[in-house]
Amino acid sequence: MTDSSALDPEDRKIVTLARSARARNGVPEGAAVRDETGRTYVAGTVALPSLRLSALQTAVAMAVASGAKSLEAAAVVSETEAVSAEDRAAVRDLGGAETPVLLAGPDGAVRAAVTAG
């Protein structure tokens, strides 16, 4: 849906990081978020018997645990067709309703760009 080559270089970077996390860890999803200072946080799906977090929820949690006060953008690489309401809520909690969330396929092509709202 969205031309990945037309993305801002910083948005392209978080898509690439999310894709790398997914491939490196062999998990269903990879995600990356960028905080208000430009720092990035990268994560994959967490699937333990006692703890289940999507990649995007994990990336947001890592940002919070590292002291981030806000988010500029988020990206998730997945085979799913849409960003889940729970993932958008996690981004919204830290970044606000207008924070962009990019959804890319495993090939890195951005399929959707939505807001956390």
Protein backbone atom coordinates (compact mmCIF):
# COMPACT_ATOMS: atom_id res chain seq x y z
CA MET A 1 0.00 0.00 0.00
CA THR A 2 2.72 2.46 0.95
CA ASP A 3 5.85 2.95 -1.17
CA SER A 4 8.70 2.06 1.22
CA SER A 5 11.17 4.06 -0.85
CA ALA A 6 9.10 7.19 -0.16
CA LEU A 7 9.48 6.77 3.61
CA ASP A 8 11.47 9.20 5.66
CA PRO A 9 14.95 7.68 6.23
CA GLU A 10 14.31 7.42 9.99
CA ASP A 11 11.04 5.55 9.38
CA ARG A 12 12.77 3.27 6.89
CA LYS A 13 15.37 2.58 9.59
CA ILE A 14 12.81 1.36 12.14
CA VAL A 15 11.18 -0.88 9.53
CA THR A 16 14.60 -2.37 8.74
CA LEU A 17 15.36 -2.87 12.43
CA ALA A 18 11.98 -4.54 13.00
CA ARG A 19 12.53 -6.84 10.04
CA SER A 20 15.99 -7.76 11.33
CA ALA A 21 14.66 -8.61 14.80
CA ARG A 22 12.02 -10.88 13.30
CA ALA A 23 14.51 -12.72 11.10
CA ARG A 24 17.31 -12.93 13.66
CA ASN A 25 15.12 -14.32 16.42
CA GLY A 26 12.85 -16.47 14.28
CA VAL A 27 9.73 -14.95 15.83
CA PRO A 28 6.35 -14.17 14.20
CA GLU A 29 6.81 -10.40 14.57
CA GLY A 30 9.58 -7.87 14.89
CA ALA A 31 9.06 -4.28 15.98
CA ALA A 32 10.94 -1.06 16.54
CA VAL A 33 9.99 2.27 18.07
CA ARG A 34 11.74 5.65 18.01
CA ASP A 35 11.53 7.89 21.06
CA GLU A 36 11.47 11.67 21.34
CA THR A 37 15.28 11.84 21.33
CA GLY A 38 15.68 9.65 18.26
CA ARG A 39 16.76 6.53 20.15
CA THR A 40 15.39 3.26 18.83
CA TYR A 41 14.22 0.16 20.68
CA VAL A 42 13.92 -3.15 18.87
CA ALA A 43 12.12 -6.31 19.96
CA GLY A 44 10.56 -9.55 18.87
CA THR A 45 7.53 -11.46 20.04
CA VAL A 46 7.76 -12.80 23.62
CA ALA A 47 5.99 -16.15 24.00
CA LEU A 48 6.71 -17.72 27.37
CA PRO A 49 4.31 -19.92 29.30
CA SER A 50 3.81 -17.13 31.84
CA LEU A 51 4.29 -14.05 29.63
CA ARG A 52 2.98 -13.19 26.19
CA LEU A 53 3.77 -9.87 24.54
CA SER A 54 3.63 -8.86 20.92
CA ALA A 55 6.80 -7.46 19.42
CA LEU A 56 5.37 -3.94 19.46
CA GLN A 57 4.29 -4.20 23.11
CA THR A 58 7.80 -5.43 23.97
CA ALA A 59 9.47 -2.57 22.08
CA VAL A 60 7.26 -0.01 23.87
CA ALA A 61 8.06 -1.65 27.22
CA MET A 62 11.79 -1.47 26.44
CA ALA A 63 11.46 2.23 25.62
CA VAL A 64 9.62 2.91 28.89
CA ALA A 65 12.13 0.87 30.89
CA SER A 66 14.94 2.90 29.30
CA GLY A 67 13.39 6.23 30.28
CA ALA A 68 11.64 7.30 27.08
CA LYS A 69 9.03 9.98 27.69
CA SER A 70 7.31 9.81 24.28
CA LEU A 71 7.41 8.09 20.91
CA GLU A 72 7.85 9.62 17.47
CA ALA A 73 7.01 6.49 15.45
CA ALA A 74 6.61 2.73 15.57
CA ALA A 75 6.95 -0.10 13.07
CA VAL A 76 5.98 -3.75 13.13
CA VAL A 77 6.91 -6.46 10.64
CA SER A 78 4.37 -9.24 10.52
CA GLU A 79 2.32 -11.45 8.25
CA THR A 80 -0.86 -10.03 9.81
CA GLU A 81 -3.10 -7.72 7.82
CA ALA A 82 -3.55 -5.03 10.49
CA VAL A 83 -1.96 -3.62 13.62
CA SER A 84 -3.91 -4.97 16.59
CA ALA A 85 -5.89 -2.69 18.88
CA GLU A 86 -3.68 -3.77 21.80
CA ASP A 87 -0.51 -2.81 19.93
CA ARG A 88 -1.92 0.55 18.92
CA ALA A 89 -2.97 1.14 22.55
CA ALA A 90 0.57 0.47 23.79
CA VAL A 91 1.98 3.00 21.31
CA ARG A 92 -0.78 5.49 22.17
CA ASP A 93 -0.04 5.19 25.92
CA LEU A 94 3.50 6.46 25.41
CA GLY A 95 3.34 8.42 22.15
CA GLY A 96 -0.17 9.76 21.94
CA ALA A 97 -3.01 9.17 19.50
CA GLU A 98 -1.26 10.72 16.48
CA THR A 99 1.88 8.58 16.68
CA PRO A 100 2.37 6.86 13.31
CA VAL A 101 2.48 3.06 13.27
CA LEU A 102 3.86 1.37 10.16
CA LEU A 103 2.94 -2.22 9.28
CA ALA A 104 5.31 -4.02 6.93
CA GLY A 105 5.32 -7.52 5.55
CA PRO A 106 8.21 -9.94 6.03
CA ASP A 107 9.78 -8.54 2.84
CA GLY A 108 9.96 -5.09 4.47
CA ALA A 109 7.38 -3.51 2.17
CA VAL A 110 5.12 -1.19 4.15
CA ARG A 111 1.50 -2.30 3.71
CA ALA A 112 -0.21 0.18 5.99
CA ALA A 113 0.44 3.36 7.91
CA VAL A 114 -2.01 4.14 10.70
CA THR A 115 -1.98 6.24 13.84
CA ALA A 116 -2.03 4.87 17.35
CA GLY A 117 -5.32 6.68 17.95
